[in-house]
Amino acid sequence: PIAFIIRNSDQRTADYKALKNSFRPSHADFTYYMKYGL
């Protein structure tokens, strides 16, 4: 098996803080929430 990683070096989770409990139109937010409950 060929295994590899690609490191994330420019994460900005703060960009999403204000959106944490809102469902962005046409995104997967709502369907993921309904499936995983988170």
Full PDB file with SEQRES, HELIX, SHEET, SSBOND, CRYST1, ORIGX, SCALE, CONECT and MASTER records, all heavy atoms in Angstrom:
SEQRES   1 A   38  PRO ILE ALA PHE ILE ILE ARG ASN SER ASP GLN ARG THR          
SEQRES   2 A   38  ALA ASP TYR LYS ALA LEU LYS ASN SER PHE ARG PRO SER          
SEQRES   3 A   38  HIS ALA ASP PHE THR TYR TYR MET LYS TYR GLY LEU              
HELIX    1 AA1 THR A   13  LEU A   19  5                                   7    
HELIX    2 AA2 ASP A   29  TYR A   36  1                                   8    
CRYST1    1.000    1.000    1.000  90.00  90.00  90.00 P 1           1          
ORIGX1      1.000000  0.000000  0.000000        0.00000                         
ORIGX2      0.000000  1.000000  0.000000        0.00000                         
ORIGX3      0.000000  0.000000  1.000000        0.00000                         
SCALE1      1.000000  0.000000  0.000000        0.00000                         
SCALE2      0.000000  1.000000  0.000000        0.00000                         
SCALE3      0.000000  0.000000  1.000000        0.00000                         
ATOM      1  N   PRO A   1       0.819  -1.214   0.000  1.00  0.00           N  
ATOM      2  CA  PRO A   1       0.000   0.000   0.000  1.00  0.00           C  
ATOM      3  C   PRO A   1       0.853   1.263   0.000  1.00  0.00           C  
ATOM      4  O   PRO A   1       1.844   1.362   0.729  1.00  0.00           O  
ATOM      5  CB  PRO A   1      -0.809  -0.123   1.298  1.00  0.00           C  
ATOM      6  CG  PRO A   1      -0.930  -1.598   1.508  1.00  0.00           C  
ATOM      7  CD  PRO A   1       0.383  -2.167   1.058  1.00  0.00           C  
ATOM      8  N   ILE A   2       0.451   2.212  -0.823  1.00  0.00           N  
ATOM      9  CA  ILE A   2       1.132   3.498  -0.908  1.00  0.00           C  
ATOM     10  C   ILE A   2       0.365   4.481  -0.025  1.00  0.00           C  
ATOM     11  O   ILE A   2      -0.792   4.806  -0.303  1.00  0.00           O  
ATOM     12  CB  ILE A   2       1.182   4.013  -2.353  1.00  0.00           C  
ATOM     13  CG1 ILE A   2       1.983   3.036  -3.235  1.00  0.00           C  
ATOM     14  CG2 ILE A   2       1.795   5.411  -2.414  1.00  0.00           C  
ATOM     15  CD1 ILE A   2       1.964   3.399  -4.717  1.00  0.00           C  
ATOM     16  N   ALA A   3       1.022   4.939   1.043  1.00  0.00           N  
ATOM     17  CA  ALA A   3       0.387   5.873   1.970  1.00  0.00           C  
ATOM     18  C   ALA A   3       1.039   7.246   1.848  1.00  0.00           C  
ATOM     19  O   ALA A   3       2.246   7.355   1.634  1.00  0.00           O  
ATOM     20  CB  ALA A   3       0.493   5.361   3.404  1.00  0.00           C  
ATOM     21  N   PHE A   4       0.228   8.282   1.991  1.00  0.00           N  
ATOM     22  CA  PHE A   4       0.765   9.642   1.898  1.00  0.00           C  
ATOM     23  C   PHE A   4      -0.083  10.592   2.718  1.00  0.00           C  
ATOM     24  O   PHE A   4      -1.252  10.315   3.016  1.00  0.00           O  
ATOM     25  CB  PHE A   4       0.805  10.106   0.438  1.00  0.00           C  
ATOM     26  CG  PHE A   4      -0.545  10.165  -0.232  1.00  0.00           C  
ATOM     27  CD1 PHE A   4      -1.319  11.328  -0.196  1.00  0.00           C  
ATOM     28  CD2 PHE A   4      -1.061   9.055  -0.904  1.00  0.00           C  
ATOM     29  CE1 PHE A   4      -2.560  11.380  -0.809  1.00  0.00           C  
ATOM     30  CE2 PHE A   4      -2.307   9.103  -1.527  1.00  0.00           C  
ATOM     31  CZ  PHE A   4      -3.061  10.271  -1.476  1.00  0.00           C  
ATOM     32  N   ILE A   5       0.516  11.731   3.102  1.00  0.00           N  
ATOM     33  CA  ILE A   5      -0.218  12.781   3.794  1.00  0.00           C  
ATOM     34  C   ILE A   5       0.085  14.123   3.142  1.00  0.00           C  
ATOM     35  O   ILE A   5       1.124  14.292   2.498  1.00  0.00           O  
ATOM     36  CB  ILE A   5       0.085  12.853   5.309  1.00  0.00           C  
ATOM     37  CG1 ILE A   5       1.567  13.165   5.547  1.00  0.00           C  
ATOM     38  CG2 ILE A   5      -0.338  11.582   6.011  1.00  0.00           C  
ATOM     39  CD1 ILE A   5       1.868  13.494   7.002  1.00  0.00           C  
ATOM     40  N   ILE A   6      -0.843  15.053   3.325  1.00  0.00           N  
ATOM     41  CA  ILE A   6      -0.698  16.430   2.870  1.00  0.00           C  
ATOM     42  C   ILE A   6      -1.080  17.297   4.069  1.00  0.00           C  
ATOM     43  O   ILE A   6      -2.233  17.310   4.492  1.00  0.00           O  
ATOM     44  CB  ILE A   6      -1.624  16.729   1.679  1.00  0.00           C  
ATOM     45  CG1 ILE A   6      -1.383  15.747   0.541  1.00  0.00           C  
ATOM     46  CG2 ILE A   6      -1.457  18.169   1.205  1.00  0.00           C  
ATOM     47  CD1 ILE A   6      -2.522  15.668  -0.456  1.00  0.00           C  
ATOM     48  N   ARG A   7      -0.118  17.978   4.635  1.00  0.00           N  
ATOM     49  CA  ARG A   7      -0.377  18.726   5.862  1.00  0.00           C  
ATOM     50  C   ARG A   7      -1.162  20.011   5.582  1.00  0.00           C  
ATOM     51  O   ARG A   7      -0.917  20.697   4.595  1.00  0.00           O  
ATOM     52  CB  ARG A   7       0.939  19.060   6.570  1.00  0.00           C  
ATOM     53  CG  ARG A   7       1.720  17.805   6.981  1.00  0.00           C  
ATOM     54  CD  ARG A   7       2.957  18.143   7.779  1.00  0.00           C  
ATOM     55  NE  ARG A   7       3.759  16.942   7.997  1.00  0.00           N  
ATOM     56  CZ  ARG A   7       3.565  16.080   8.982  1.00  0.00           C  
ATOM     57  NH1 ARG A   7       2.583  16.291   9.844  1.00  0.00           N  
ATOM     58  NH2 ARG A   7       4.326  15.019   9.114  1.00  0.00           N  
ATOM     59  N   ASN A   8      -2.103  20.313   6.462  1.00  0.00           N  
ATOM     60  CA  ASN A   8      -2.820  21.592   6.418  1.00  0.00           C  
ATOM     61  C   ASN A   8      -2.023  22.612   7.217  1.00  0.00           C  
ATOM     62  O   ASN A   8      -1.741  22.392   8.402  1.00  0.00           O  
ATOM     63  CB  ASN A   8      -4.219  21.455   7.017  1.00  0.00           C  
ATOM     64  CG  ASN A   8      -5.134  20.596   6.173  1.00  0.00           C  
ATOM     65  OD1 ASN A   8      -5.029  20.576   4.956  1.00  0.00           O  
ATOM     66  ND2 ASN A   8      -6.041  19.882   6.822  1.00  0.00           N  
ATOM     67  N   SER A   9      -1.639  23.695   6.584  1.00  0.00           N  
ATOM     68  CA  SER A   9      -0.797  24.679   7.261  1.00  0.00           C  
ATOM     69  C   SER A   9      -1.462  26.047   7.404  1.00  0.00           C  
ATOM     70  O   SER A   9      -0.925  26.930   8.068  1.00  0.00           O  
ATOM     71  CB  SER A   9       0.521  24.849   6.496  1.00  0.00           C  
ATOM     72  OG  SER A   9       0.289  25.256   5.161  1.00  0.00           O  
ATOM     73  N   ASP A  10      -2.636  26.243   6.794  1.00  0.00           N  
ATOM     74  CA  ASP A  10      -3.275  27.558   6.828  1.00  0.00           C  
ATOM     75  C   ASP A  10      -4.739  27.442   7.224  1.00  0.00           C  
ATOM     76  O   ASP A  10      -5.633  27.965   6.556  1.00  0.00           O  
ATOM     77  CB  ASP A  10      -3.128  28.236   5.455  1.00  0.00           C  
ATOM     78  CG  ASP A  10      -3.534  29.709   5.482  1.00  0.00           C  
ATOM     79  OD1 ASP A  10      -3.537  30.301   6.577  1.00  0.00           O  
ATOM     80  OD2 ASP A  10      -3.852  30.250   4.417  1.00  0.00           O  
ATOM     81  N   GLN A  11      -4.980  26.753   8.350  1.00  0.00           N  
ATOM     82  CA  GLN A  11      -6.356  26.614   8.824  1.00  0.00           C  
ATOM     83  C   GLN A  11      -6.796  27.905   9.516  1.00  0.00           C  
ATOM     84  O   GLN A  11      -6.007  28.538  10.215  1.00  0.00           O  
ATOM     85  CB  GLN A  11      -6.481  25.464   9.830  1.00  0.00           C  
ATOM     86  CG  GLN A  11      -5.832  24.169   9.394  1.00  0.00           C  
ATOM     87  CD  GLN A  11      -4.459  23.976  10.003  1.00  0.00           C  
ATOM     88  OE1 GLN A  11      -3.659  24.887  10.002  1.00  0.00           O  
ATOM     89  NE2 GLN A  11      -4.197  22.780  10.511  1.00  0.00           N  
ATOM     90  N   ARG A  12      -8.033  28.267   9.305  1.00  0.00           N  
ATOM     91  CA  ARG A  12      -8.608  29.424  10.008  1.00  0.00           C  
ATOM     92  C   ARG A  12     -10.011  29.060  10.473  1.00  0.00           C  
ATOM     93  O   ARG A  12     -11.009  29.461   9.886  1.00  0.00           O  
ATOM     94  CB  ARG A  12      -8.662  30.648   9.089  1.00  0.00           C  
ATOM     95  CG  ARG A  12      -7.310  31.231   8.732  1.00  0.00           C  
ATOM     96  CD  ARG A  12      -7.496  32.547   7.987  1.00  0.00           C  
ATOM     97  NE  ARG A  12      -6.272  33.017   7.397  1.00  0.00           N  
ATOM     98  CZ  ARG A  12      -6.192  34.090   6.601  1.00  0.00           C  
ATOM     99  NH1 ARG A  12      -7.298  34.771   6.309  1.00  0.00           N  
ATOM    100  NH2 ARG A  12      -5.037  34.465   6.094  1.00  0.00           N  
ATOM    101  N   THR A  13     -10.062  28.290  11.519  1.00  0.00           N  
ATOM    102  CA  THR A  13     -11.372  27.856  12.028  1.00  0.00           C  
ATOM    103  C   THR A  13     -12.203  29.034  12.516  1.00  0.00           C  
ATOM    104  O   THR A  13     -13.430  28.962  12.558  1.00  0.00           O  
ATOM    105  CB  THR A  13     -11.200  26.841  13.162  1.00  0.00           C  
ATOM    106  OG1 THR A  13     -10.366  27.421  14.187  1.00  0.00           O  
ATOM    107  CG2 THR A  13     -10.534  25.564  12.655  1.00  0.00           C  
ATOM    108  N   ALA A  14     -11.523  30.144  12.870  1.00  0.00           N  
ATOM    109  CA  ALA A  14     -12.241  31.325  13.355  1.00  0.00           C  
ATOM    110  C   ALA A  14     -13.165  31.902  12.291  1.00  0.00           C  
ATOM    111  O   ALA A  14     -14.178  32.544  12.614  1.00  0.00           O  
ATOM    112  CB  ALA A  14     -11.251  32.393  13.814  1.00  0.00           C  
ATOM    113  N   ASP A  15     -12.825  31.668  11.003  1.00  0.00           N  
ATOM    114  CA  ASP A  15     -13.670  32.167   9.917  1.00  0.00           C  
ATOM    115  C   ASP A  15     -15.075  31.583   9.978  1.00  0.00           C  
ATOM    116  O   ASP A  15     -16.022  32.158   9.420  1.00  0.00           O  
ATOM    117  CB  ASP A  15     -13.041  31.821   8.556  1.00  0.00           C  
ATOM    118  CG  ASP A  15     -11.819  32.679   8.254  1.00  0.00           C  
ATOM    119  OD1 ASP A  15     -11.612  33.679   8.966  1.00  0.00           O  
ATOM    120  OD2 ASP A  15     -11.084  32.346   7.310  1.00  0.00           O  
ATOM    121  N   TYR A  16     -15.196  30.424  10.637  1.00  0.00           N  
ATOM    122  CA  TYR A  16     -16.470  29.715  10.653  1.00  0.00           C  
ATOM    123  C   TYR A  16     -17.190  29.807  12.003  1.00  0.00           C  
ATOM    124  O   TYR A  16     -18.263  29.250  12.164  1.00  0.00           O  
ATOM    125  CB  TYR A  16     -16.245  28.242  10.309  1.00  0.00           C  
ATOM    126  CG  TYR A  16     -15.666  28.050   8.921  1.00  0.00           C  
ATOM    127  CD1 TYR A  16     -14.296  28.054   8.712  1.00  0.00           C  
ATOM    128  CD2 TYR A  16     -16.498  27.892   7.818  1.00  0.00           C  
ATOM    129  CE1 TYR A  16     -13.757  27.899   7.439  1.00  0.00           C  
ATOM    130  CE2 TYR A  16     -15.972  27.738   6.543  1.00  0.00           C  
ATOM    131  CZ  TYR A  16     -14.598  27.740   6.363  1.00  0.00           C  
ATOM    132  OH  TYR A  16     -14.075  27.593   5.096  1.00  0.00           O  
ATOM    133  N   LYS A  17     -16.582  30.528  12.960  1.00  0.00           N  
ATOM    134  CA  LYS A  17     -17.151  30.582  14.303  1.00  0.00           C  
ATOM    135  C   LYS A  17     -18.555  31.160  14.298  1.00  0.00           C  
ATOM    136  O   LYS A  17     -19.477  30.640  14.948  1.00  0.00           O  
ATOM    137  CB  LYS A  17     -16.234  31.410  15.211  1.00  0.00           C  
ATOM    138  CG  LYS A  17     -16.643  31.368  16.678  1.00  0.00           C  
ATOM    139  CD  LYS A  17     -15.630  32.101  17.541  1.00  0.00           C  
ATOM    140  CE  LYS A  17     -16.018  32.027  19.018  1.00  0.00           C  
ATOM    141  NZ  LYS A  17     -15.039  32.739  19.879  1.00  0.00           N  
ATOM    142  N   ALA A  18     -18.757  32.244  13.548  1.00  0.00           N  
ATOM    143  CA  ALA A  18     -20.068  32.895  13.515  1.00  0.00           C  
ATOM    144  C   ALA A  18     -21.112  32.069  12.780  1.00  0.00           C  
ATOM    145  O   ALA A  18     -22.314  32.310  12.907  1.00  0.00           O  
ATOM    146  CB  ALA A  18     -19.943  34.272  12.854  1.00  0.00           C  
ATOM    147  N   LEU A  19     -20.659  31.065  12.017  1.00  0.00           N  
ATOM    148  CA  LEU A  19     -21.572  30.244  11.217  1.00  0.00           C  
ATOM    149  C   LEU A  19     -21.836  28.886  11.853  1.00  0.00           C  
ATOM    150  O   LEU A  19     -22.564  28.075  11.277  1.00  0.00           O  
ATOM    151  CB  LEU A  19     -20.987  30.034   9.817  1.00  0.00           C  
ATOM    152  CG  LEU A  19     -20.637  31.293   9.018  1.00  0.00           C  
ATOM    153  CD1 LEU A  19     -19.848  30.916   7.775  1.00  0.00           C  
ATOM    154  CD2 LEU A  19     -21.900  32.042   8.636  1.00  0.00           C  
ATOM    155  N   LYS A  20     -21.253  28.639  13.018  1.00  0.00           N  
ATOM    156  CA  LYS A  20     -21.232  27.293  13.592  1.00  0.00           C  
ATOM    157  C   LYS A  20     -22.609  26.655  13.713  1.00  0.00           C  
ATOM    158  O   LYS A  20     -22.769  25.473  13.422  1.00  0.00           O  
ATOM    159  CB  LYS A  20     -20.555  27.321  14.974  1.00  0.00           C  
ATOM    160  CG  LYS A  20     -20.367  25.929  15.569  1.00  0.00           C  
ATOM    161  CD  LYS A  20     -19.536  25.996  16.832  1.00  0.00           C  
ATOM    162  CE  LYS A  20     -19.378  24.613  17.468  1.00  0.00           C  
ATOM    163  NZ  LYS A  20     -18.701  23.658  16.581  1.00  0.00           N  
ATOM    164  N   ASN A  21     -23.612  27.417  14.078  1.00  0.00           N  
ATOM    165  CA  ASN A  21     -24.949  26.847  14.286  1.00  0.00           C  
ATOM    166  C   ASN A  21     -25.940  27.221  13.184  1.00  0.00           C  
ATOM    167  O   ASN A  21     -27.139  26.991  13.328  1.00  0.00           O  
ATOM    168  CB  ASN A  21     -25.490  27.285  15.651  1.00  0.00           C  
ATOM    169  CG  ASN A  21     -24.680  26.712  16.794  1.00  0.00           C  
ATOM    170  OD1 ASN A  21     -24.384  25.523  16.811  1.00  0.00           O  
ATOM    171  ND2 ASN A  21     -24.299  27.560  17.734  1.00  0.00           N  
ATOM    172  N   SER A  22     -25.423  27.791  12.089  1.00  0.00           N  
ATOM    173  CA  SER A  22     -26.287  28.194  10.984  1.00  0.00           C  
ATOM    174  C   SER A  22     -26.053  27.313   9.773  1.00  0.00           C  
ATOM    175  O   SER A  22     -24.938  26.831   9.541  1.00  0.00           O  
ATOM    176  CB  SER A  22     -26.028  29.665  10.616  1.00  0.00           C  
ATOM    177  OG  SER A  22     -26.296  30.517  11.709  1.00  0.00           O  
ATOM    178  N   PHE A  23     -27.114  27.120   9.002  1.00  0.00           N  
ATOM    179  CA  PHE A  23     -27.016  26.300   7.801  1.00  0.00           C  
ATOM    180  C   PHE A  23     -26.797  27.209   6.590  1.00  0.00           C  
ATOM    181  O   PHE A  23     -27.695  27.962   6.189  1.00  0.00           O  
ATOM    182  CB  PHE A  23     -28.287  25.475   7.611  1.00  0.00           C  
ATOM    183  CG  PHE A  23     -28.589  24.563   8.769  1.00  0.00           C  
ATOM    184  CD1 PHE A  23     -29.827  24.618   9.401  1.00  0.00           C  
ATOM    185  CD2 PHE A  23     -27.644  23.672   9.236  1.00  0.00           C  
ATOM    186  CE1 PHE A  23     -30.121  23.778  10.467  1.00  0.00           C  
ATOM    187  CE2 PHE A  23     -27.920  22.827  10.302  1.00  0.00           C  
ATOM    188  CZ  PHE A  23     -29.162  22.883  10.920  1.00  0.00           C  
ATOM    189  N   ARG A  24     -25.597  27.142   6.006  1.00  0.00           N  
ATOM    190  CA  ARG A  24     -25.306  27.955   4.822  1.00  0.00           C  
ATOM    191  C   ARG A  24     -26.098  27.416   3.631  1.00  0.00           C  
ATOM    192  O   ARG A  24     -26.088  26.213   3.370  1.00  0.00           O  
ATOM    193  CB  ARG A  24     -23.808  27.920   4.517  1.00  0.00           C  
ATOM    194  CG  ARG A  24     -22.939  28.591   5.568  1.00  0.00           C  
ATOM    195  CD  ARG A  24     -21.466  28.336   5.324  1.00  0.00           C  
ATOM    196  NE  ARG A  24     -21.164  26.916   5.478  1.00  0.00           N  
ATOM    197  CZ  ARG A  24     -19.974  26.371   5.184  1.00  0.00           C  
ATOM    198  NH1 ARG A  24     -18.995  27.116   4.703  1.00  0.00           N  
ATOM    199  NH2 ARG A  24     -19.782  25.077   5.366  1.00  0.00           N  
ATOM    200  N   PRO A  25     -26.798  28.297   2.894  1.00  0.00           N  
ATOM    201  CA  PRO A  25     -27.594  27.842   1.751  1.00  0.00           C  
ATOM    202  C   PRO A  25     -26.759  27.058   0.740  1.00  0.00           C  
ATOM    203  O   PRO A  25     -25.656  27.459   0.374  1.00  0.00           O  
ATOM    204  CB  PRO A  25     -28.106  29.153   1.144  1.00  0.00           C  
ATOM    205  CG  PRO A  25     -28.158  30.098   2.301  1.00  0.00           C  
ATOM    206  CD  PRO A  25     -26.972  29.737   3.153  1.00  0.00           C  
ATOM    207  N   SER A  26     -27.307  25.908   0.315  1.00  0.00           N  
ATOM    208  CA  SER A  26     -26.711  25.034  -0.709  1.00  0.00           C  
ATOM    209  C   SER A  26     -25.400  24.386  -0.291  1.00  0.00           C  
ATOM    210  O   SER A  26     -24.700  23.806  -1.122  1.00  0.00           O  
ATOM    211  CB  SER A  26     -26.524  25.790  -2.031  1.00  0.00           C  
ATOM    212  OG  SER A  26     -27.778  26.060  -2.626  1.00  0.00           O  
ATOM    213  N   HIS A  27     -25.041  24.479   0.997  1.00  0.00           N  
ATOM    214  CA  HIS A  27     -23.884  23.756   1.513  1.00  0.00           C  
ATOM    215  C   HIS A  27     -24.347  22.409   2.097  1.00  0.00           C  
ATOM    216  O   HIS A  27     -25.539  22.111   2.148  1.00  0.00           O  
ATOM    217  CB  HIS A  27     -23.178  24.558   2.608  1.00  0.00           C  
ATOM    218  CG  HIS A  27     -22.269  25.619   2.092  1.00  0.00           C  
ATOM    219  ND1 HIS A  27     -22.736  26.795   1.532  1.00  0.00           N  
ATOM    220  CD2 HIS A  27     -20.920  25.696   2.061  1.00  0.00           C  
ATOM    221  CE1 HIS A  27     -21.713  27.555   1.172  1.00  0.00           C  
ATOM    222  NE2 HIS A  27     -20.596  26.908   1.479  1.00  0.00           N  
ATOM    223  N   ALA A  28     -23.384  21.646   2.584  1.00  0.00           N  
ATOM    224  CA  ALA A  28     -23.691  20.351   3.189  1.00  0.00           C  
ATOM    225  C   ALA A  28     -23.966  20.456   4.688  1.00  0.00           C  
ATOM    226  O   ALA A  28     -24.152  19.442   5.353  1.00  0.00           O  
ATOM    227  CB  ALA A  28     -22.538  19.379   2.952  1.00  0.00           C  
ATOM    228  N   ASP A  29     -23.984  21.686   5.213  1.00  0.00           N  
ATOM    229  CA  ASP A  29     -24.169  21.866   6.655  1.00  0.00           C  
ATOM    230  C   ASP A  29     -25.416  21.144   7.173  1.00  0.00           C  
ATOM    231  O   ASP A  29     -25.358  20.394   8.155  1.00  0.00           O  
ATOM    232  CB  ASP A  29     -24.299  23.361   6.986  1.00  0.00           C  
ATOM    233  CG  ASP A  29     -23.062  24.156   6.630  1.00  0.00           C  
ATOM    234  OD1 ASP A  29     -21.985  23.551   6.505  1.00  0.00           O  
ATOM    235  OD2 ASP A  29     -23.173  25.379   6.471  1.00  0.00           O  
ATOM    236  N   PHE A  30     -26.558  21.396   6.533  1.00  0.00           N  
ATOM    237  CA  PHE A  30     -27.821  20.848   7.018  1.00  0.00           C  
ATOM    238  C   PHE A  30     -27.851  19.323   6.918  1.00  0.00           C  
ATOM    239  O   PHE A  30     -28.223  18.631   7.869  1.00  0.00           O  
ATOM    240  CB  PHE A  30     -28.992  21.445   6.243  1.00  0.00           C  
ATOM    241  CG  PHE A  30     -30.310  20.788   6.556  1.00  0.00           C  
ATOM    242  CD1 PHE A  30     -30.908  20.945   7.796  1.00  0.00           C  
ATOM    243  CD2 PHE A  30     -30.934  19.982   5.613  1.00  0.00           C  
ATOM    244  CE1 PHE A  30     -32.115  20.324   8.090  1.00  0.00           C  
ATOM    245  CE2 PHE A  30     -32.142  19.359   5.906  1.00  0.00           C  
ATOM    246  CZ  PHE A  30     -32.734  19.532   7.137  1.00  0.00           C  
ATOM    247  N   THR A  31     -27.462  18.783   5.764  1.00  0.00           N  
ATOM    248  CA  THR A  31     -27.549  17.333   5.587  1.00  0.00           C  
ATOM    249  C   THR A  31     -26.560  16.596   6.487  1.00  0.00           C  
ATOM    250  O   THR A  31     -26.874  15.517   7.018  1.00  0.00           O  
ATOM    251  CB  THR A  31     -27.304  16.950   4.121  1.00  0.00           C  
ATOM    252  OG1 THR A  31     -26.096  17.565   3.649  1.00  0.00           O  
ATOM    253  CG2 THR A  31     -28.466  17.397   3.243  1.00  0.00           C  
ATOM    254  N   TYR A  32     -25.372  17.165   6.698  1.00  0.00           N  
ATOM    255  CA  TYR A  32     -24.414  16.546   7.626  1.00  0.00           C  
ATOM    256  C   TYR A  32     -24.956  16.599   9.056  1.00  0.00           C  
ATOM    257  O   TYR A  32     -24.779  15.648   9.831  1.00  0.00           O  
ATOM    258  CB  TYR A  32     -23.055  17.249   7.534  1.00  0.00           C  
ATOM    259  CG  TYR A  32     -22.121  16.637   6.514  1.00  0.00           C  
ATOM    260  CD1 TYR A  32     -22.545  16.394   5.206  1.00  0.00           C  
ATOM    261  CD2 TYR A  32     -20.822  16.290   6.839  1.00  0.00           C  
ATOM    262  CE1 TYR A  32     -21.698  15.840   4.263  1.00  0.00           C  
ATOM    263  CE2 TYR A  32     -19.964  15.723   5.908  1.00  0.00           C  
ATOM    264  CZ  TYR A  32     -20.403  15.507   4.620  1.00  0.00           C  
ATOM    265  OH  TYR A  32     -19.554  14.943   3.697  1.00  0.00           O  
ATOM    266  N   TYR A  33     -25.624  17.703   9.404  1.00  0.00           N  
ATOM    267  CA  TYR A  33     -26.212  17.834  10.732  1.00  0.00           C  
ATOM    268  C   TYR A  33     -27.298  16.789  10.944  1.00  0.00           C  
ATOM    269  O   TYR A  33     -27.378  16.147  12.004  1.00  0.00           O  
ATOM    270  CB  TYR A  33     -26.782  19.238  10.902  1.00  0.00           C  
ATOM    271  CG  TYR A  33     -27.484  19.463  12.219  1.00  0.00           C  
ATOM    272  CD1 TYR A  33     -26.755  19.669  13.386  1.00  0.00           C  
ATOM    273  CD2 TYR A  33     -28.876  19.480  12.286  1.00  0.00           C  
ATOM    274  CE1 TYR A  33     -27.398  19.880  14.603  1.00  0.00           C  
ATOM    275  CE2 TYR A  33     -29.529  19.692  13.492  1.00  0.00           C  
ATOM    276  CZ  TYR A  33     -28.783  19.890  14.647  1.00  0.00           C  
ATOM    277  OH  TYR A  33     -29.424  20.087  15.846  1.00  0.00           O  
ATOM    278  N   MET A  34     -28.127  16.570   9.933  1.00  0.00           N  
ATOM    279  CA  MET A  34     -29.198  15.590  10.053  1.00  0.00           C  
ATOM    280  C   MET A  34     -28.659  14.167  10.115  1.00  0.00           C  
ATOM    281  O   MET A  34     -29.236  13.307  10.775  1.00  0.00           O  
ATOM    282  CB  MET A  34     -30.166  15.735   8.873  1.00  0.00           C  
ATOM    283  CG  MET A  34     -30.938  17.053   8.855  1.00  0.00           C  
ATOM    284  SD  MET A  34     -31.902  17.343  10.369  1.00  0.00           S  
ATOM    285  CE  MET A  34     -33.130  16.031  10.228  1.00  0.00           C  
ATOM    286  N   LYS A  35     -27.557  13.918   9.434  1.00  0.00           N  
ATOM    287  CA  LYS A  35     -26.991  12.562   9.428  1.00  0.00           C  
ATOM    288  C   LYS A  35     -26.199  12.261  10.701  1.00  0.00           C  
ATOM    289  O   LYS A  35     -26.352  11.198  11.307  1.00  0.00           O  
ATOM    290  CB  LYS A  35     -26.073  12.366   8.218  1.00  0.00           C  
ATOM    291  CG  LYS A  35     -25.456  10.966   8.144  1.00  0.00           C  
ATOM    292  CD  LYS A  35     -24.669  10.752   6.866  1.00  0.00           C  
ATOM    293  CE  LYS A  35     -24.045   9.364   6.829  1.00  0.00           C  
ATOM    294  NZ  LYS A  35     -25.070   8.283   6.812  1.00  0.00           N  
ATOM    295  N   TYR A  36     -25.350  13.225  11.125  1.00  0.00           N  
ATOM    296  CA  TYR A  36     -24.444  12.962  12.239  1.00  0.00           C  
ATOM    297  C   TYR A  36     -24.899  13.574  13.553  1.00  0.00           C  
ATOM    298  O   TYR A  36     -24.358  13.238  14.615  1.00  0.00           O  
ATOM    299  CB  TYR A  36     -23.036  13.463  11.888  1.00  0.00           C  
ATOM    300  CG  TYR A  36     -22.452  12.780  10.677  1.00  0.00           C  
ATOM    301  CD1 TYR A  36     -22.331  13.451   9.472  1.00  0.00           C  
ATOM    302  CD2 TYR A  36     -22.037  11.445  10.736  1.00  0.00           C  
ATOM    303  CE1 TYR A  36     -21.808  12.828   8.347  1.00  0.00           C  
ATOM    304  CE2 TYR A  36     -21.511  10.811   9.622  1.00  0.00           C  
ATOM    305  CZ  TYR A  36     -21.395  11.509   8.423  1.00  0.00           C  
ATOM    306  OH  TYR A  36     -20.881  10.894   7.310  1.00  0.00           O  
ATOM    307  N   GLY A  37     -25.868  14.499  13.520  1.00  0.00           N  
ATOM    308  CA  GLY A  37     -26.377  15.092  14.747  1.00  0.00           C  
ATOM    309  C   GLY A  37     -25.430  16.051  15.416  1.00  0.00           C  
ATOM    310  O   GLY A  37     -25.580  16.356  16.608  1.00  0.00           O  
ATOM    311  N   LEU A  38     -24.447  16.540  14.682  1.00  0.00           N  
ATOM    312  CA  LEU A  38     -23.460  17.462  15.236  1.00  0.00           C  
ATOM    313  C   LEU A  38     -23.441  18.749  14.434  1.00  0.00           C  
ATOM    314  O   LEU A  38     -23.694  18.746  13.227  1.00  0.00           O  
ATOM    315  CB  LEU A  38     -22.058  16.829  15.200  1.00  0.00           C  
ATOM    316  CG  LEU A  38     -21.880  15.519  15.970  1.00  0.00           C  
ATOM    317  CD1 LEU A  38     -20.519  14.917  15.659  1.00  0.00           C  
ATOM    318  CD2 LEU A  38     -22.037  15.750  17.471  1.00  0.00           C  
TER     319      LEU A  38                                                      
MASTER        0    0    0    2    0    0    0    6  318    1    0    3          
END                                                                             
